[in-house]
Amino acid sequence: MQLGMVGLGKMGANMVRRLIRAGHECVVFDLDPEAVGSLEDEGAVGASSLQALVDKLEAPRAIWVMVPAGPATETTVGQLAELVASGDTIIDGGNSMYKDDVRRAATLAESGIHYADVGTSGGVWGLERGYCLMIGAEPAVAERLDPIFKALAPGQGDVERTPGRPSGQGTAEAGYLRCGPPGAGHFVKMVHNGIEYGLMQAYAEGLDIMRCQGGDTVSDEFRFPLELGEITELWRRGSVVGSWLLDLTAIALQASPDLEEFSGSVQDSGEGRWTVQAAVESGTPAEVLTASLYARFRSRQDHTFAEKVLSAMRKQFGGHVETGS
């Protein structure tokens, strides 16, 4: 299948590479000509502008926008809307606010243009591991784009089928799912990231408690100089708290036991705030997720080892570099 990709950053470029490996044709554009040239060398068709990208795609076109959420996405979608035709589909794979997706889908529908929002999880590891895709689209749109989603997703791999789940029950066990109409994909991804905040905070605080147990604030008889790298390695095997986030924490601690290169200033990309906002709007208690968001706010003023662990995890799964101090 043919797909246009706008935005060739850390995730967009690797998504193109994964699609090419699966036999799909990708027409690519980025404001950085070098990024386009690099992927041309790997088999993609380069475009020098959005207009050129549209011209090189066959109708009905499918164009995936993978640029930062906010003004960049809004501008790109608006520009594409002026260039594509009725029956074409614009896909937002960034981390947009779901309410923006609902608005965009309604606006584009007036011109017969389809819209899909795809919450994409996988970070810098997605090229090899695949991407977990949370899709918001009308059923016919999701069905037409299925070959793209299937190629990007991890597939069932070696993950065992959930006991009692019949074979062939939807696409979720392959790593992608149409969650509902436009807006639903990014809503699910938003909550996914809110949960991520809570999980990361729990790991970070637990490791900080163990680290402090070897410090001067604890009496000699109860002081344990624990090796956190070895403990995270231990927990990766057979523990009920095992997870990919724990795997990444173990990698970070193996490389730097004291995480000295991290200040502990932890940023938030927006989804955590929106998750808490959605909880307020629906009257849903969310104590842990809210507390984990506030902990990130505090980290920018007073850094602890726990915040260094959070920063290390963010760098591992998403390539996020600390900003500020």
C-alpha atoms as a PDB file:
ATOM      1  CA  MET A   1       0.000   0.000   0.000  1.00  0.00           C
ATOM      2  CA  GLN A   2       1.125   3.586  -0.598  1.00  0.00           C
ATOM      3  CA  LEU A   3       1.399   6.064   2.275  1.00  0.00           C
ATOM      4  CA  GLY A   4       2.588   9.632   2.596  1.00  0.00           C
ATOM      5  CA  MET A   5       4.547  10.508   5.736  1.00  0.00           C
ATOM      6  CA  VAL A   6       4.983  14.096   6.897  1.00  0.00           C
ATOM      7  CA  GLY A   7       7.522  14.481   9.700  1.00  0.00           C
ATOM      8  CA  LEU A   8      10.678  12.380   9.793  1.00  0.00           C
ATOM      9  CA  GLY A   9      11.774  12.737  13.398  1.00  0.00           C
ATOM     10  CA  LYS A  10      12.714   9.944  15.779  1.00  0.00           C
ATOM     11  CA  MET A  11       9.452   8.059  15.296  1.00  0.00           C
ATOM     12  CA  GLY A  12       8.314   9.140  11.838  1.00  0.00           C
ATOM     13  CA  ALA A  13      11.533   8.041  10.133  1.00  0.00           C
ATOM     14  CA  ASN A  14      11.564   4.647  11.828  1.00  0.00           C
ATOM     15  CA  MET A  15       7.912   4.088  10.977  1.00  0.00           C
ATOM     16  CA  VAL A  16       8.773   4.676   7.322  1.00  0.00           C
ATOM     17  CA  ARG A  17      11.637   2.187   7.589  1.00  0.00           C
ATOM     18  CA  ARG A  18       9.340  -0.429   9.127  1.00  0.00           C
ATOM     19  CA  LEU A  19       6.752   0.090   6.390  1.00  0.00           C
ATOM     20  CA  ILE A  20       9.349  -0.185   3.632  1.00  0.00           C
ATOM     21  CA  ARG A  21      10.604  -3.440   5.160  1.00  0.00           C
ATOM     22  CA  ALA A  22       7.029  -4.736   4.950  1.00  0.00           C
ATOM     23  CA  GLY A  23       6.829  -3.889   1.243  1.00  0.00           C
ATOM     24  CA  HIS A  24       4.827  -0.649   1.384  1.00  0.00           C
ATOM     25  CA  GLU A  25       5.675   2.423  -0.690  1.00  0.00           C
ATOM     26  CA  CYS A  26       6.294   5.580   1.330  1.00  0.00           C
ATOM     27  CA  VAL A  27       6.380   9.122  -0.035  1.00  0.00           C
ATOM     28  CA  VAL A  28       8.068  11.317   2.572  1.00  0.00           C
ATOM     29  CA  PHE A  29       8.430  14.996   3.395  1.00  0.00           C
ATOM     30  CA  ASP A  30      10.153  16.920   6.161  1.00  0.00           C
ATOM     31  CA  LEU A  31      11.266  20.509   6.598  1.00  0.00           C
ATOM     32  CA  ASP A  32      14.805  19.097   6.832  1.00  0.00           C
ATOM     33  CA  PRO A  33      15.911  18.045   3.322  1.00  0.00           C
ATOM     34  CA  GLU A  34      18.637  15.840   4.800  1.00  0.00           C
ATOM     35  CA  ALA A  35      16.026  13.747   6.600  1.00  0.00           C
ATOM     36  CA  VAL A  36      14.216  13.249   3.297  1.00  0.00           C
ATOM     37  CA  GLY A  37      17.440  12.375   1.476  1.00  0.00           C
ATOM     38  CA  SER A  38      18.416   9.837   4.104  1.00  0.00           C
ATOM     39  CA  LEU A  39      15.174   7.915   3.662  1.00  0.00           C
ATOM     40  CA  GLU A  40      15.393   8.181  -0.127  1.00  0.00           C
ATOM     41  CA  ASP A  41      18.655   6.247   0.191  1.00  0.00           C
ATOM     42  CA  GLU A  42      16.691   3.559   2.043  1.00  0.00           C
ATOM     43  CA  GLY A  43      13.964   3.213  -0.562  1.00  0.00           C
ATOM     44  CA  ALA A  44      11.443   5.951   0.168  1.00  0.00           C
ATOM     45  CA  VAL A  45      10.188   8.412  -2.446  1.00  0.00           C
ATOM     46  CA  GLY A  46      11.187  11.928  -1.426  1.00  0.00           C
ATOM     47  CA  ALA A  47       9.081  15.059  -1.786  1.00  0.00           C
ATOM     48  CA  SER A  48      10.309  18.650  -1.576  1.00  0.00           C
ATOM     49  CA  SER A  49       6.991  20.092  -0.357  1.00  0.00           C
ATOM     50  CA  LEU A  50       3.538  19.091   0.809  1.00  0.00           C
ATOM     51  CA  GLN A  51       2.241  19.799  -2.688  1.00  0.00           C
ATOM     52  CA  ALA A  52       4.887  17.520  -4.185  1.00  0.00           C
ATOM     53  CA  LEU A  53       4.002  14.802  -1.684  1.00  0.00           C
ATOM     54  CA  VAL A  54       0.310  14.994  -2.589  1.00  0.00           C
ATOM     55  CA  ASP A  55       1.133  14.943  -6.308  1.00  0.00           C
ATOM     56  CA  LYS A  56       3.174  11.750  -5.921  1.00  0.00           C
ATOM     57  CA  LEU A  57       0.392   9.849  -4.164  1.00  0.00           C
ATOM     58  CA  GLU A  58      -2.360   7.989  -5.971  1.00  0.00           C
ATOM     59  CA  ALA A  59      -5.996   8.618  -5.040  1.00  0.00           C
ATOM     60  CA  PRO A  60      -7.474   7.830  -2.649  1.00  0.00           C
ATOM     61  CA  ARG A  61      -4.485   9.167  -0.740  1.00  0.00           C
ATOM     62  CA  ALA A  62      -3.478   8.376   2.828  1.00  0.00           C
ATOM     63  CA  ILE A  63      -1.149  10.853   4.514  1.00  0.00           C
ATOM     64  CA  TRP A  64       0.251  10.305   7.992  1.00  0.00           C
ATOM     65  CA  VAL A  65       1.227  13.436   9.931  1.00  0.00           C
ATOM     66  CA  MET A  66       3.957  12.767  12.502  1.00  0.00           C
ATOM     67  CA  VAL A  67       4.915  16.218  13.766  1.00  0.00           C
ATOM     68  CA  PRO A  68       4.778  17.720  17.288  1.00  0.00           C
ATOM     69  CA  ALA A  69       1.274  18.090  18.713  1.00  0.00           C
ATOM     70  CA  GLY A  70      -0.165  21.579  18.868  1.00  0.00           C
ATOM     71  CA  PRO A  71       0.427  24.376  16.353  1.00  0.00           C
ATOM     72  CA  ALA A  72       2.681  22.265  14.113  1.00  0.00           C
ATOM     73  CA  THR A  73       0.047  19.569  13.697  1.00  0.00           C
ATOM     74  CA  GLU A  74      -2.767  22.084  13.326  1.00  0.00           C
ATOM     75  CA  THR A  75      -0.894  23.956  10.595  1.00  0.00           C
ATOM     76  CA  THR A  76       0.123  20.803   8.725  1.00  0.00           C
ATOM     77  CA  VAL A  77      -3.370  19.316   8.746  1.00  0.00           C
ATOM     78  CA  GLY A  78      -4.800  22.641   7.590  1.00  0.00           C
ATOM     79  CA  GLN A  79      -2.328  22.888   4.718  1.00  0.00           C
ATOM     80  CA  LEU A  80      -2.973  19.323   3.626  1.00  0.00           C
ATOM     81  CA  ALA A  81      -6.715  19.928   3.704  1.00  0.00           C
ATOM     82  CA  GLU A  82      -6.209  22.537   0.986  1.00  0.00           C
ATOM     83  CA  LEU A  83      -4.217  20.131  -1.188  1.00  0.00           C
ATOM     84  CA  VAL A  84      -5.954  16.754  -0.950  1.00  0.00           C
ATOM     85  CA  ALA A  85      -9.274  15.722  -2.480  1.00  0.00           C
ATOM     86  CA  SER A  86     -12.534  14.180  -1.380  1.00  0.00           C
ATOM     87  CA  GLY A  87     -12.011  10.554  -0.437  1.00  0.00           C
ATOM     88  CA  ASP A  88      -8.461  11.095   0.810  1.00  0.00           C
ATOM     89  CA  THR A  89      -7.484  10.435   4.430  1.00  0.00           C
ATOM     90  CA  ILE A  90      -5.337  12.514   6.775  1.00  0.00           C
ATOM     91  CA  ILE A  91      -3.919  10.629   9.757  1.00  0.00           C
ATOM     92  CA  ASP A  92      -2.581  12.331  12.878  1.00  0.00           C
ATOM     93  CA  GLY A  93      -0.152   9.996  14.620  1.00  0.00           C
ATOM     94  CA  GLY A  94       1.178  12.498  17.168  1.00  0.00           C
ATOM     95  CA  ASN A  95      -0.103  13.161  20.655  1.00  0.00           C
ATOM     96  CA  SER A  96      -2.886  15.608  19.879  1.00  0.00           C
ATOM     97  CA  MET A  97      -5.658  16.478  22.305  1.00  0.00           C
ATOM     98  CA  TYR A  98      -8.624  14.251  21.444  1.00  0.00           C
ATOM     99  CA  LYS A  99     -11.038  17.181  21.351  1.00  0.00           C
ATOM    100  CA  ASP A 100      -8.955  18.686  18.541  1.00  0.00           C
ATOM    101  CA  ASP A 101      -9.360  15.432  16.608  1.00  0.00           C
ATOM    102  CA  VAL A 102     -13.133  15.541  16.923  1.00  0.00           C
ATOM    103  CA  ARG A 103     -13.129  19.115  15.645  1.00  0.00           C
ATOM    104  CA  ARG A 104     -10.763  18.409  12.752  1.00  0.00           C
ATOM    105  CA  ALA A 105     -12.685  15.322  11.666  1.00  0.00           C
ATOM    106  CA  ALA A 106     -15.946  17.284  11.519  1.00  0.00           C
ATOM    107  CA  THR A 107     -14.346  20.125   9.573  1.00  0.00           C
ATOM    108  CA  LEU A 108     -12.645  17.846   7.046  1.00  0.00           C
ATOM    109  CA  ALA A 109     -15.813  15.792   6.578  1.00  0.00           C
ATOM    110  CA  GLU A 110     -17.483  18.873   5.096  1.00  0.00           C
ATOM    111  CA  SER A 111     -15.078  18.512   2.155  1.00  0.00           C
ATOM    112  CA  GLY A 112     -15.366  14.724   1.988  1.00  0.00           C
ATOM    113  CA  ILE A 113     -11.916  14.240   3.523  1.00  0.00           C
ATOM    114  CA  HIS A 114     -11.514  11.397   6.015  1.00  0.00           C
ATOM    115  CA  TYR A 115      -9.615  11.819   9.270  1.00  0.00           C
ATOM    116  CA  ALA A 116      -8.033   9.279  11.592  1.00  0.00           C
ATOM    117  CA  ASP A 117      -6.188   9.811  14.847  1.00  0.00           C
ATOM    118  CA  VAL A 118      -3.688   7.154  15.854  1.00  0.00           C
ATOM    119  CA  GLY A 119      -2.165   7.154  19.297  1.00  0.00           C
ATOM    120  CA  THR A 120       1.254   5.629  18.700  1.00  0.00           C
ATOM    121  CA  SER A 121       3.318   4.022  21.453  1.00  0.00           C
ATOM    122  CA  GLY A 122       6.719   2.480  20.940  1.00  0.00           C
ATOM    123  CA  GLY A 123       9.175   5.343  21.027  1.00  0.00           C
ATOM    124  CA  VAL A 124      12.661   4.939  19.628  1.00  0.00           C
ATOM    125  CA  TRP A 125      12.407   1.140  19.952  1.00  0.00           C
ATOM    126  CA  GLY A 126       9.444   0.839  17.598  1.00  0.00           C
ATOM    127  CA  LEU A 127      11.432   0.049  14.460  1.00  0.00           C
ATOM    128  CA  GLU A 128      12.277  -3.405  15.772  1.00  0.00           C
ATOM    129  CA  ARG A 129       9.563  -3.954  18.402  1.00  0.00           C
ATOM    130  CA  GLY A 130       6.673  -2.458  16.457  1.00  0.00           C
ATOM    131  CA  TYR A 131       4.216   0.225  17.529  1.00  0.00           C
ATOM    132  CA  CYS A 132       1.115  -0.182  19.663  1.00  0.00           C
ATOM    133  CA  LEU A 133      -1.573   1.695  17.732  1.00  0.00           C
ATOM    134  CA  MET A 134      -4.739   3.143  19.278  1.00  0.00           C
ATOM    135  CA  ILE A 135      -6.948   4.188  16.377  1.00  0.00           C
ATOM    136  CA  GLY A 136      -9.835   6.622  16.125  1.00  0.00           C
ATOM    137  CA  ALA A 137     -11.568   6.391  12.751  1.00  0.00           C
ATOM    138  CA  GLU A 138     -14.742   5.446  10.996  1.00  0.00           C
ATOM    139  CA  PRO A 139     -14.906   1.675  10.364  1.00  0.00           C
ATOM    140  CA  ALA A 140     -14.441   1.909   6.571  1.00  0.00           C
ATOM    141  CA  VAL A 141     -11.406   4.165   6.973  1.00  0.00           C
ATOM    142  CA  ALA A 142      -9.776   1.837   9.497  1.00  0.00           C
ATOM    143  CA  GLU A 143     -10.444  -1.132   7.241  1.00  0.00           C
ATOM    144  CA  ARG A 144      -8.807   0.520   4.224  1.00  0.00           C
ATOM    145  CA  LEU A 145      -5.739   1.451   6.268  1.00  0.00           C
ATOM    146  CA  ASP A 146      -5.482  -1.982   7.891  1.00  0.00           C
ATOM    147  CA  PRO A 147      -2.395  -3.073   5.873  1.00  0.00           C
ATOM    148  CA  ILE A 148      -0.509  -0.024   7.182  1.00  0.00           C
ATOM    149  CA  PHE A 149      -1.566  -0.591  10.782  1.00  0.00           C
ATOM    150  CA  LYS A 150      -0.738  -4.293  10.570  1.00  0.00           C
ATOM    151  CA  ALA A 151       2.770  -3.579   9.271  1.00  0.00           C
ATOM    152  CA  LEU A 152       3.520  -0.996  11.953  1.00  0.00           C
ATOM    153  CA  ALA A 153       2.123  -3.028  14.850  1.00  0.00           C
ATOM    154  CA  PRO A 154       4.194  -5.628  16.738  1.00  0.00           C
ATOM    155  CA  GLY A 155       1.987  -8.604  15.901  1.00  0.00           C
ATOM    156  CA  GLN A 156       1.221 -11.250  18.499  1.00  0.00           C
ATOM    157  CA  GLY A 157       4.861 -12.315  18.700  1.00  0.00           C
ATOM    158  CA  ASP A 158       5.689 -14.438  21.727  1.00  0.00           C
ATOM    159  CA  VAL A 159       3.032 -12.853  23.951  1.00  0.00           C
ATOM    160  CA  GLU A 160       0.697 -15.600  25.080  1.00  0.00           C
ATOM    161  CA  ARG A 161      -2.980 -15.279  24.245  1.00  0.00           C
ATOM    162  CA  THR A 162      -5.091 -14.181  27.206  1.00  0.00           C
ATOM    163  CA  PRO A 163      -6.688 -17.280  28.754  1.00  0.00           C
ATOM    164  CA  GLY A 164     -10.233 -17.691  27.496  1.00  0.00           C
ATOM    165  CA  ARG A 165      -9.749 -15.336  24.552  1.00  0.00           C
ATOM    166  CA  PRO A 166     -10.815 -17.057  21.316  1.00  0.00           C
ATOM    167  CA  SER A 167      -8.499 -17.035  18.328  1.00  0.00           C
ATOM    168  CA  GLY A 168      -9.243 -14.343  15.751  1.00  0.00           C
ATOM    169  CA  GLN A 169     -11.083 -12.010  18.122  1.00  0.00           C
ATOM    170  CA  GLY A 170     -10.215  -8.665  16.583  1.00  0.00           C
ATOM    171  CA  THR A 171      -6.833  -7.037  16.074  1.00  0.00           C
ATOM    172  CA  ALA A 172      -5.924  -6.072  19.643  1.00  0.00           C
ATOM    173  CA  GLU A 173      -3.661  -9.076  20.186  1.00  0.00           C
ATOM    174  CA  ALA A 174      -1.731  -8.014  17.073  1.00  0.00           C
ATOM    175  CA  GLY A 175      -0.989  -4.648  18.692  1.00  0.00           C
ATOM    176  CA  TYR A 176      -3.486  -2.337  17.009  1.00  0.00           C
ATOM    177  CA  LEU A 177      -7.147  -1.550  17.553  1.00  0.00           C
ATOM    178  CA  ARG A 178      -9.836   0.747  16.227  1.00  0.00           C
ATOM    179  CA  CYS A 179     -10.994   2.080  19.578  1.00  0.00           C
ATOM    180  CA  GLY A 180     -13.887   4.124  18.196  1.00  0.00           C
ATOM    181  CA  PRO A 181     -14.669   7.132  15.962  1.00  0.00           C
ATOM    182  CA  PRO A 182     -12.245  10.029  15.407  1.00  0.00           C
ATOM    183  CA  GLY A 183     -10.945  11.258  18.746  1.00  0.00           C
ATOM    184  CA  ALA A 184     -11.186   7.867  20.453  1.00  0.00           C
ATOM    185  CA  GLY A 185      -7.662   6.815  19.499  1.00  0.00           C
ATOM    186  CA  HIS A 186      -5.969   9.811  21.071  1.00  0.00           C
ATOM    187  CA  PHE A 187      -8.286   9.625  24.088  1.00  0.00           C
ATOM    188  CA  VAL A 188      -7.110   6.064  24.771  1.00  0.00           C
ATOM    189  CA  LYS A 189      -3.474   7.075  24.164  1.00  0.00           C
ATOM    190  CA  MET A 190      -3.915  10.020  26.527  1.00  0.00           C
ATOM    191  CA  VAL A 191      -5.076   7.718  29.337  1.00  0.00           C
ATOM    192  CA  HIS A 192      -2.310   5.272  28.395  1.00  0.00           C
ATOM    193  CA  ASN A 193       0.255   8.004  28.995  1.00  0.00           C
ATOM    194  CA  GLY A 194      -1.436   9.061  32.218  1.00  0.00           C
ATOM    195  CA  ILE A 195      -1.088   5.474  33.468  1.00  0.00           C
ATOM    196  CA  GLU A 196       2.521   5.542  32.299  1.00  0.00           C
ATOM    197  CA  TYR A 197       3.132   8.537  34.576  1.00  0.00           C
ATOM    198  CA  GLY A 198       1.786   6.589  37.541  1.00  0.00           C
ATOM    199  CA  LEU A 199       3.792   3.444  36.809  1.00  0.00           C
ATOM    200  CA  MET A 200       6.994   5.409  36.340  1.00  0.00           C
ATOM    201  CA  GLN A 201       6.420   7.316  39.562  1.00  0.00           C
ATOM    202  CA  ALA A 202       5.875   4.084  41.504  1.00  0.00           C
ATOM    203  CA  TYR A 203       9.126   2.579  40.228  1.00  0.00           C
ATOM    204  CA  ALA A 204      11.017   5.827  40.860  1.00  0.00           C
ATOM    205  CA  GLU A 205       9.770   6.219  44.432  1.00  0.00           C
ATOM    206  CA  GLY A 206      10.395   2.565  45.266  1.00  0.00           C
ATOM    207  CA  LEU A 207      13.983   2.750  44.014  1.00  0.00           C
ATOM    208  CA  ASP A 208      14.504   5.990  45.919  1.00  0.00           C
ATOM    209  CA  ILE A 209      13.285   4.368  49.165  1.00  0.00           C
ATOM    210  CA  MET A 210      15.732   1.511  48.705  1.00  0.00           C
ATOM    211  CA  ARG A 211      18.570   3.903  47.924  1.00  0.00           C
ATOM    212  CA  CYS A 212      17.845   5.990  51.028  1.00  0.00           C
ATOM    213  CA  GLN A 213      17.825   2.847  53.172  1.00  0.00           C
ATOM    214  CA  GLY A 214      21.591   2.824  52.820  1.00  0.00           C
ATOM    215  CA  GLY A 215      21.973   6.428  53.951  1.00  0.00           C
ATOM    216  CA  ASP A 216      22.776   8.233  57.183  1.00  0.00           C
ATOM    217  CA  THR A 217      19.112   8.893  57.973  1.00  0.00           C
ATOM    218  CA  VAL A 218      18.642   5.200  58.802  1.00  0.00           C
ATOM    219  CA  SER A 219      20.040   3.663  62.000  1.00  0.00           C
ATOM    220  CA  ASP A 220      22.994   1.313  61.581  1.00  0.00           C
ATOM    221  CA  GLU A 221      21.049  -1.840  62.412  1.00  0.00           C
ATOM    222  CA  PHE A 222      18.568  -1.250  59.589  1.00  0.00           C
ATOM    223  CA  ARG A 223      20.923   0.259  57.034  1.00  0.00           C
ATOM    224  CA  PHE A 224      21.123  -1.773  53.817  1.00  0.00           C
ATOM    225  CA  PRO A 225      23.517  -0.711  51.024  1.00  0.00           C
ATOM    226  CA  LEU A 226      21.355  -2.104  48.248  1.00  0.00           C
ATOM    227  CA  GLU A 227      22.515  -2.490  44.636  1.00  0.00           C
ATOM    228  CA  LEU A 228      19.612  -1.064  42.664  1.00  0.00           C
ATOM    229  CA  GLY A 229      20.862  -2.265  39.295  1.00  0.00           C
ATOM    230  CA  GLU A 230      20.945  -5.841  40.560  1.00  0.00           C
ATOM    231  CA  ILE A 231      17.516  -5.515  42.167  1.00  0.00           C
ATOM    232  CA  THR A 232      15.893  -4.218  38.977  1.00  0.00           C
ATOM    233  CA  GLU A 233      17.573  -7.074  37.113  1.00  0.00           C
ATOM    234  CA  LEU A 234      16.161  -9.491  39.688  1.00  0.00           C
ATOM    235  CA  TRP A 235      12.647  -8.087  39.394  1.00  0.00           C
ATOM    236  CA  ARG A 236      12.700  -8.545  35.618  1.00  0.00           C
ATOM    237  CA  ARG A 237      12.479 -12.294  36.155  1.00  0.00           C
ATOM    238  CA  GLY A 238       9.343 -13.776  37.656  1.00  0.00           C
ATOM    239  CA  SER A 239       8.239 -10.704  39.596  1.00  0.00           C
ATOM    240  CA  VAL A 240       4.676  -9.393  39.387  1.00  0.00           C
ATOM    241  CA  VAL A 241       6.098  -5.872  38.908  1.00  0.00           C
ATOM    242  CA  GLY A 242       8.028  -6.863  35.788  1.00  0.00           C
ATOM    243  CA  SER A 243       7.399  -4.657  32.731  1.00  0.00           C
ATOM    244  CA  TRP A 244       9.100  -3.006  29.786  1.00  0.00           C
ATOM    245  CA  LEU A 245       9.514   0.142  31.888  1.00  0.00           C
ATOM    246  CA  LEU A 246      11.397  -1.934  34.439  1.00  0.00           C
ATOM    247  CA  ASP A 247      13.533  -3.382  31.624  1.00  0.00           C
ATOM    248  CA  LEU A 248      14.449   0.145  30.543  1.00  0.00           C
ATOM    249  CA  THR A 249      15.213   1.157  34.130  1.00  0.00           C
ATOM    250  CA  ALA A 250      17.572  -1.793  34.426  1.00  0.00           C
ATOM    251  CA  ILE A 251      19.331  -0.691  31.238  1.00  0.00           C
ATOM    252  CA  ALA A 252      19.736   2.839  32.591  1.00  0.00           C
ATOM    253  CA  LEU A 253      21.091   1.663  35.960  1.00  0.00           C
ATOM    254  CA  GLN A 254      23.488  -0.758  34.291  1.00  0.00           C
ATOM    255  CA  ALA A 255      24.930   2.124  32.278  1.00  0.00           C
ATOM    256  CA  SER A 256      24.986   4.582  35.189  1.00  0.00           C
ATOM    257  CA  PRO A 257      24.266   3.247  38.706  1.00  0.00           C
ATOM    258  CA  ASP A 258      23.973   6.737  40.212  1.00  0.00           C
ATOM    259  CA  LEU A 259      22.332   8.330  37.133  1.00  0.00           C
ATOM    260  CA  GLU A 260      24.778  11.182  37.499  1.00  0.00           C
ATOM    261  CA  GLU A 261      24.082  12.554  34.022  1.00  0.00           C
ATOM    262  CA  PHE A 262      20.450  13.286  34.934  1.00  0.00           C
ATOM    263  CA  SER A 263      19.440  16.366  36.904  1.00  0.00           C
ATOM    264  CA  GLY A 264      16.013  14.972  37.802  1.00  0.00           C
ATOM    265  CA  SER A 265      14.019  17.710  36.061  1.00  0.00           C
ATOM    266  CA  VAL A 266      11.128  15.752  34.552  1.00  0.00           C
ATOM    267  CA  GLN A 267       9.003  17.208  31.785  1.00  0.00           C
ATOM    268  CA  ASP A 268       5.424  16.291  30.921  1.00  0.00           C
ATOM    269  CA  SER A 269       4.277  16.174  27.323  1.00  0.00           C
ATOM    270  CA  GLY A 270       0.634  17.107  27.925  1.00  0.00           C
ATOM    271  CA  GLU A 271      -1.197  13.793  28.034  1.00  0.00           C
ATOM    272  CA  GLY A 272      -0.892  13.508  31.805  1.00  0.00           C
ATOM    273  CA  ARG A 273      -2.517  16.909  32.260  1.00  0.00           C
ATOM    274  CA  TRP A 274      -5.269  16.052  29.801  1.00  0.00           C
ATOM    275  CA  THR A 275      -5.919  12.737  31.560  1.00  0.00           C
ATOM    276  CA  VAL A 276      -6.392  14.511  34.879  1.00  0.00           C
ATOM    277  CA  GLN A 277      -8.587  17.101  33.158  1.00  0.00           C
ATOM    278  CA  ALA A 278     -10.742  14.328  31.648  1.00  0.00           C
ATOM    279  CA  ALA A 279     -11.037  12.730  35.085  1.00  0.00           C
ATOM    280  CA  VAL A 280     -12.247  16.050  36.511  1.00  0.00           C
ATOM    281  CA  GLU A 281     -14.731  16.524  33.668  1.00  0.00           C
ATOM    282  CA  SER A 282     -16.210  13.041  34.134  1.00  0.00           C
ATOM    283  CA  GLY A 283     -16.000  13.094  37.935  1.00  0.00           C
ATOM    284  CA  THR A 284     -13.698  10.078  37.984  1.00  0.00           C
ATOM    285  CA  PRO A 285     -11.272   9.709  40.937  1.00  0.00           C
ATOM    286  CA  ALA A 286      -7.643   9.529  39.748  1.00  0.00           C
ATOM    287  CA  GLU A 287      -5.485   9.989  42.835  1.00  0.00           C
ATOM    288  CA  VAL A 288      -2.351   8.196  41.623  1.00  0.00           C
ATOM    289  CA  LEU A 289      -2.297   9.728  38.145  1.00  0.00           C
ATOM    290  CA  THR A 290      -2.881  13.210  39.541  1.00  0.00           C
ATOM    291  CA  ALA A 291      -0.151  12.804  42.160  1.00  0.00           C
ATOM    292  CA  SER A 292       2.328  11.560  39.553  1.00  0.00           C
ATOM    293  CA  LEU A 293       1.655  14.638  37.418  1.00  0.00           C
ATOM    294  CA  TYR A 294       2.208  16.956  40.374  1.00  0.00           C
ATOM    295  CA  ALA A 295       5.432  15.103  41.183  1.00  0.00           C
ATOM    296  CA  ARG A 296       6.735  16.088  37.763  1.00  0.00           C
ATOM    297  CA  PHE A 297       5.864  19.709  38.443  1.00  0.00           C
ATOM    298  CA  ARG A 298       7.773  19.541  41.728  1.00  0.00           C
ATOM    299  CA  SER A 299      10.773  17.895  40.083  1.00  0.00           C
ATOM    300  CA  ARG A 300      11.577  21.118  38.263  1.00  0.00           C
ATOM    301  CA  GLN A 301      12.218  22.820  41.566  1.00  0.00           C
ATOM    302  CA  ASP A 302      13.721  20.141  43.838  1.00  0.00           C
ATOM    303  CA  HIS A 303      15.423  17.091  42.384  1.00  0.00           C
ATOM    304  CA  THR A 304      15.678  13.683  44.049  1.00  0.00           C
ATOM    305  CA  PHE A 305      17.043  10.338  42.917  1.00  0.00           C
ATOM    306  CA  ALA A 306      13.461   9.351  42.090  1.00  0.00           C
ATOM    307  CA  GLU A 307      13.293  12.136  39.517  1.00  0.00           C
ATOM    308  CA  LYS A 308      16.597  10.989  38.041  1.00  0.00           C
ATOM    309  CA  VAL A 309      15.044   7.536  37.597  1.00  0.00           C
ATOM    310  CA  LEU A 310      12.063   9.116  35.814  1.00  0.00           C
ATOM    311  CA  SER A 311      14.379  11.077  33.516  1.00  0.00           C
ATOM    312  CA  ALA A 312      16.383   7.949  32.781  1.00  0.00           C
ATOM    313  CA  MET A 313      13.245   5.996  31.845  1.00  0.00           C
ATOM    314  CA  ARG A 314      12.018   8.798  29.562  1.00  0.00           C
ATOM    315  CA  LYS A 315      15.351   8.832  27.751  1.00  0.00           C
ATOM    316  CA  GLN A 316      15.313   5.055  27.354  1.00  0.00           C
ATOM    317  CA  PHE A 317      11.857   4.646  25.836  1.00  0.00           C
ATOM    318  CA  GLY A 318      11.458   7.904  23.977  1.00  0.00           C
ATOM    319  CA  GLY A 319      14.877   9.459  23.570  1.00  0.00           C
ATOM    320  CA  HIS A 320      13.693  12.425  25.639  1.00  0.00           C
ATOM    321  CA  VAL A 321      16.522  14.729  26.693  1.00  0.00           C
ATOM    322  CA  GLU A 322      16.178  16.813  29.820  1.00  0.00           C
ATOM    323  CA  THR A 323      15.411  20.499  29.354  1.00  0.00           C
ATOM    324  CA  GLY A 324      15.701  23.122  32.042  1.00  0.00           C
ATOM    325  CA  SER A 325      17.183  22.505  35.438  1.00  0.00           C
END
